[in-house]
Amino acid sequence: EDTVGVMQSELHAIEQLLGDAQQAQADCSRHSRRLQALKRQIENVSIKINDAR
């Protein structure tokens, strides 16, 4: 039974890590989309600055 308890504990830890990894992946995806939007905004401002010169 001690072995089963250890395995259950390890499984719980793995489940926690998986949840953390899934959250990190979602955060990364969200940040990537935000960075792409900022990149487009910077490009648009750069074009406007060049046009104004």
PDB file of N, CA and C in Angstrom:
ATOM      1  N   GLU A   1       0.819  -1.199   0.000  1.00  0.00           N
ATOM      2  CA  GLU A   1       0.000   0.000   0.000  1.00  0.00           C
ATOM      3  C   GLU A   1       0.863   1.263   0.000  1.00  0.00           C
ATOM      4  N   ASP A   2       2.023   1.185   0.589  1.00  0.00           N
ATOM      5  CA  ASP A   2       2.901   2.347   0.611  1.00  0.00           C
ATOM      6  C   ASP A   2       3.305   2.734  -0.810  1.00  0.00           C
ATOM      7  N   THR A   3       3.560   1.723  -1.638  1.00  0.00           N
ATOM      8  CA  THR A   3       3.927   1.968  -3.030  1.00  0.00           C
ATOM      9  C   THR A   3       2.783   2.648  -3.771  1.00  0.00           C
ATOM     10  N   VAL A   4       1.560   2.191  -3.511  1.00  0.00           N
ATOM     11  CA  VAL A   4       0.385   2.789  -4.151  1.00  0.00           C
ATOM     12  C   VAL A   4       0.258   4.257  -3.746  1.00  0.00           C
ATOM     13  N   GLY A   5       0.488   4.543  -2.500  1.00  0.00           N
ATOM     14  CA  GLY A   5       0.422   5.930  -2.020  1.00  0.00           C
ATOM     15  C   GLY A   5       1.448   6.814  -2.700  1.00  0.00           C
ATOM     16  N   VAL A   6       2.662   6.289  -2.853  1.00  0.00           N
ATOM     17  CA  VAL A   6       3.721   7.047  -3.526  1.00  0.00           C
ATOM     18  C   VAL A   6       3.335   7.296  -4.979  1.00  0.00           C
ATOM     19  N   MET A   7       2.817   6.265  -5.632  1.00  0.00           N
ATOM     20  CA  MET A   7       2.420   6.402  -7.037  1.00  0.00           C
ATOM     21  C   MET A   7       1.272   7.397  -7.189  1.00  0.00           C
ATOM     22  N   GLN A   8       0.322   7.372  -6.261  1.00  0.00           N
ATOM     23  CA  GLN A   8      -0.783   8.328  -6.309  1.00  0.00           C
ATOM     24  C   GLN A   8      -0.268   9.755  -6.114  1.00  0.00           C
ATOM     25  N   SER A   9       0.680   9.901  -5.218  1.00  0.00           N
ATOM     26  CA  SER A   9       1.274  11.213  -4.975  1.00  0.00           C
ATOM     27  C   SER A   9       2.008  11.712  -6.218  1.00  0.00           C
ATOM     28  N   GLU A  10       2.762  10.823  -6.852  1.00  0.00           N
ATOM     29  CA  GLU A  10       3.479  11.187  -8.072  1.00  0.00           C
ATOM     30  C   GLU A  10       2.505  11.533  -9.192  1.00  0.00           C
ATOM     31  N   LEU A  11       1.425  10.776  -9.302  1.00  0.00           N
ATOM     32  CA  LEU A  11       0.416  11.048 -10.320  1.00  0.00           C
ATOM     33  C   LEU A  11      -0.206  12.422 -10.093  1.00  0.00           C
ATOM     34  N   HIS A  12      -0.491  12.733  -8.846  1.00  0.00           N
ATOM     35  CA  HIS A  12      -1.060  14.045  -8.527  1.00  0.00           C
ATOM     36  C   HIS A  12      -0.084  15.162  -8.925  1.00  0.00           C
ATOM     37  N   ALA A  13       1.194  14.957  -8.638  1.00  0.00           N
ATOM     38  CA  ALA A  13       2.207  15.956  -8.995  1.00  0.00           C
ATOM     39  C   ALA A  13       2.276  16.129 -10.510  1.00  0.00           C
ATOM     40  N   ILE A  14       2.196  15.024 -11.239  1.00  0.00           N
ATOM     41  CA  ILE A  14       2.224  15.079 -12.704  1.00  0.00           C
ATOM     42  C   ILE A  14       0.994  15.814 -13.233  1.00  0.00           C
ATOM     43  N   GLU A  15      -0.160  15.550 -12.634  1.00  0.00           N
ATOM     44  CA  GLU A  15      -1.385  16.241 -13.047  1.00  0.00           C
ATOM     45  C   GLU A  15      -1.255  17.746 -12.815  1.00  0.00           C
ATOM     46  N   GLN A  16      -0.652  18.126 -11.695  1.00  0.00           N
ATOM     47  CA  GLN A  16      -0.432  19.548 -11.412  1.00  0.00           C
ATOM     48  C   GLN A  16       0.497  20.162 -12.452  1.00  0.00           C
ATOM     49  N   LEU A  17       1.581  19.459 -12.763  1.00  0.00           N
ATOM     50  CA  LEU A  17       2.525  19.964 -13.759  1.00  0.00           C
ATOM     51  C   LEU A  17       1.867  20.095 -15.127  1.00  0.00           C
ATOM     52  N   LEU A  18       1.032  19.134 -15.481  1.00  0.00           N
ATOM     53  CA  LEU A  18       0.321  19.194 -16.756  1.00  0.00           C
ATOM     54  C   LEU A  18      -0.598  20.411 -16.788  1.00  0.00           C
ATOM     55  N   GLY A  19      -1.310  20.639 -15.713  1.00  0.00           N
ATOM     56  CA  GLY A  19      -2.169  21.821 -15.630  1.00  0.00           C
ATOM     57  C   GLY A  19      -1.368  23.108 -15.755  1.00  0.00           C
ATOM     58  N   ASP A  20      -0.231  23.151 -15.078  1.00  0.00           N
ATOM     59  CA  ASP A  20       0.639  24.326 -15.166  1.00  0.00           C
ATOM     60  C   ASP A  20       1.142  24.523 -16.592  1.00  0.00           C
ATOM     61  N   ALA A  21       1.524  23.427 -17.249  1.00  0.00           N
ATOM     62  CA  ALA A  21       2.025  23.507 -18.623  1.00  0.00           C
ATOM     63  C   ALA A  21       0.932  23.986 -19.575  1.00  0.00           C
ATOM     64  N   GLN A  22      -0.286  23.497 -19.380  1.00  0.00           N
ATOM     65  CA  GLN A  22      -1.393  23.928 -20.231  1.00  0.00           C
ATOM     66  C   GLN A  22      -1.680  25.411 -20.033  1.00  0.00           C
ATOM     67  N   GLN A  23      -1.615  25.877 -18.797  1.00  0.00           N
ATOM     68  CA  GLN A  23      -1.834  27.301 -18.529  1.00  0.00           C
ATOM     69  C   GLN A  23      -0.719  28.134 -19.148  1.00  0.00           C
ATOM     70  N   ALA A  24       0.514  27.659 -19.038  1.00  0.00           N
ATOM     71  CA  ALA A  24       1.646  28.378 -19.623  1.00  0.00           C
ATOM     72  C   ALA A  24       1.501  28.458 -21.142  1.00  0.00           C
ATOM     73  N   GLN A  25       1.037  27.375 -21.752  1.00  0.00           N
ATOM     74  CA  GLN A  25       0.830  27.364 -23.200  1.00  0.00           C
ATOM     75  C   GLN A  25      -0.243  28.379 -23.592  1.00  0.00           C
ATOM     76  N   ALA A  26      -1.326  28.427 -22.840  1.00  0.00           N
ATOM     77  CA  ALA A  26      -2.396  29.387 -23.123  1.00  0.00           C
ATOM     78  C   ALA A  26      -1.888  30.821 -22.947  1.00  0.00           C
ATOM     79  N   ASP A  27      -1.114  31.054 -21.890  1.00  0.00           N
ATOM     80  CA  ASP A  27      -0.550  32.386 -21.657  1.00  0.00           C
ATOM     81  C   ASP A  27       0.389  32.783 -22.791  1.00  0.00           C
ATOM     82  N   CYS A  28       1.213  31.855 -23.223  1.00  0.00           N
ATOM     83  CA  CYS A  28       2.165  32.109 -24.304  1.00  0.00           C
ATOM     84  C   CYS A  28       1.418  32.474 -25.588  1.00  0.00           C
ATOM     85  N   SER A  29       0.369  31.741 -25.880  1.00  0.00           N
ATOM     86  CA  SER A  29      -0.428  32.008 -27.072  1.00  0.00           C
ATOM     87  C   SER A  29      -1.053  33.403 -26.998  1.00  0.00           C
ATOM     88  N   ARG A  30      -1.591  33.739 -25.838  1.00  0.00           N
ATOM     89  CA  ARG A  30      -2.210  35.059 -25.648  1.00  0.00           C
ATOM     90  C   ARG A  30      -1.171  36.170 -25.797  1.00  0.00           C
ATOM     91  N   HIS A  31       0.003  35.980 -25.205  1.00  0.00           N
ATOM     92  CA  HIS A  31       1.060  36.984 -25.304  1.00  0.00           C
ATOM     93  C   HIS A  31       1.561  37.113 -26.742  1.00  0.00           C
ATOM     94  N   SER A  32       1.624  36.005 -27.449  1.00  0.00           N
ATOM     95  CA  SER A  32       2.062  36.030 -28.839  1.00  0.00           C
ATOM     96  C   SER A  32       1.104  36.856 -29.694  1.00  0.00           C
ATOM     97  N   ARG A  33      -0.197  36.656 -29.482  1.00  0.00           N
ATOM     98  CA  ARG A  33      -1.185  37.444 -30.232  1.00  0.00           C
ATOM     99  C   ARG A  33      -1.051  38.927 -29.909  1.00  0.00           C
ATOM    100  N   ARG A  34      -0.824  39.238 -28.635  1.00  0.00           N
ATOM    101  CA  ARG A  34      -0.664  40.636 -28.228  1.00  0.00           C
ATOM    102  C   ARG A  34       0.587  41.246 -28.862  1.00  0.00           C
ATOM    103  N   LEU A  35       1.667  40.488 -28.895  1.00  0.00           N
ATOM    104  CA  LEU A  35       2.895  40.990 -29.516  1.00  0.00           C
ATOM    105  C   LEU A  35       2.700  41.239 -31.007  1.00  0.00           C
ATOM    106  N   GLN A  36       1.969  40.356 -31.677  1.00  0.00           N
ATOM    107  CA  GLN A  36       1.694  40.554 -33.102  1.00  0.00           C
ATOM    108  C   GLN A  36       0.882  41.830 -33.321  1.00  0.00           C
ATOM    109  N   ALA A  37      -0.091  42.080 -32.454  1.00  0.00           N
ATOM    110  CA  ALA A  37      -0.897  43.299 -32.564  1.00  0.00           C
ATOM    111  C   ALA A  37      -0.020  44.535 -32.345  1.00  0.00           C
ATOM    112  N   LEU A  38       0.860  44.476 -31.361  1.00  0.00           N
ATOM    113  CA  LEU A  38       1.765  45.599 -31.110  1.00  0.00           C
ATOM    114  C   LEU A  38       2.712  45.814 -32.285  1.00  0.00           C
ATOM    115  N   LYS A  39       3.172  44.732 -32.873  1.00  0.00           N
ATOM    116  CA  LYS A  39       4.059  44.827 -34.039  1.00  0.00           C
ATOM    117  C   LYS A  39       3.351  45.547 -35.183  1.00  0.00           C
ATOM    118  N   ARG A  40       2.087  45.191 -35.431  1.00  0.00           N
ATOM    119  CA  ARG A  40       1.323  45.857 -36.494  1.00  0.00           C
ATOM    120  C   ARG A  40       1.147  47.343 -36.184  1.00  0.00           C
ATOM    121  N   GLN A  41       0.884  47.659 -34.922  1.00  0.00           N
ATOM    122  CA  GLN A  41       0.724  49.064 -34.543  1.00  0.00           C
ATOM    123  C   GLN A  41       2.017  49.843 -34.769  1.00  0.00           C
ATOM    124  N   ILE A  42       3.132  49.251 -34.406  1.00  0.00           N
ATOM    125  CA  ILE A  42       4.433  49.900 -34.605  1.00  0.00           C
ATOM    126  C   ILE A  42       4.701  50.103 -36.089  1.00  0.00           C
ATOM    127  N   GLU A  43       4.400  49.083 -36.896  1.00  0.00           N
ATOM    128  CA  GLU A  43       4.598  49.206 -38.342  1.00  0.00           C
ATOM    129  C   GLU A  43       3.731  50.324 -38.915  1.00  0.00           C
ATOM    130  N   ASN A  44       2.481  50.422 -38.457  1.00  0.00           N
ATOM    131  CA  ASN A  44       1.585  51.471 -38.948  1.00  0.00           C
ATOM    132  C   ASN A  44       2.086  52.859 -38.564  1.00  0.00           C
ATOM    133  N   VAL A  45       2.562  53.010 -37.341  1.00  0.00           N
ATOM    134  CA  VAL A  45       3.101  54.300 -36.906  1.00  0.00           C
ATOM    135  C   VAL A  45       4.348  54.639 -37.708  1.00  0.00           C
ATOM    136  N   SER A  46       5.185  53.651 -37.954  1.00  0.00           N
ATOM    137  CA  SER A  46       6.402  53.868 -38.729  1.00  0.00           C
ATOM    138  C   SER A  46       6.066  54.353 -40.136  1.00  0.00           C
ATOM    139  N   ILE A  47       5.060  53.754 -40.742  1.00  0.00           N
ATOM    140  CA  ILE A  47       4.634  54.169 -42.086  1.00  0.00           C
ATOM    141  C   ILE A  47       4.140  55.611 -42.053  1.00  0.00           C
ATOM    142  N   LYS A  48       3.341  55.949 -41.043  1.00  0.00           N
ATOM    143  CA  LYS A  48       2.817  57.319 -40.926  1.00  0.00           C
ATOM    144  C   LYS A  48       3.946  58.322 -40.722  1.00  0.00           C
ATOM    145  N   ILE A  49       4.938  57.961 -39.931  1.00  0.00           N
ATOM    146  CA  ILE A  49       6.084  58.853 -39.710  1.00  0.00           C
ATOM    147  C   ILE A  49       6.838  59.056 -41.014  1.00  0.00           C
ATOM    148  N   ASN A  50       7.066  57.981 -41.749  1.00  0.00           N
ATOM    149  CA  ASN A  50       7.783  58.090 -43.022  1.00  0.00           C
ATOM    150  C   ASN A  50       6.997  58.916 -44.029  1.00  0.00           C
ATOM    151  N   ASP A  51       5.680  58.765 -44.039  1.00  0.00           N
ATOM    152  CA  ASP A  51       4.842  59.547 -44.952  1.00  0.00           C
ATOM    153  C   ASP A  51       4.869  61.032 -44.597  1.00  0.00           C
ATOM    154  N   ALA A  52       5.010  61.329 -43.308  1.00  0.00           N
ATOM    155  CA  ALA A  52       5.000  62.720 -42.858  1.00  0.00           C
ATOM    156  C   ALA A  52       6.320  63.427 -43.143  1.00  0.00           C
ATOM    157  N   ARG A  53       7.344  62.689 -43.437  1.00  0.00           N
ATOM    158  CA  ARG A  53       8.672  63.290 -43.664  1.00  0.00           C
ATOM    159  C   ARG A  53       8.760  63.979 -44.987  1.00  0.00           C
TER     160      ARG A  53
END
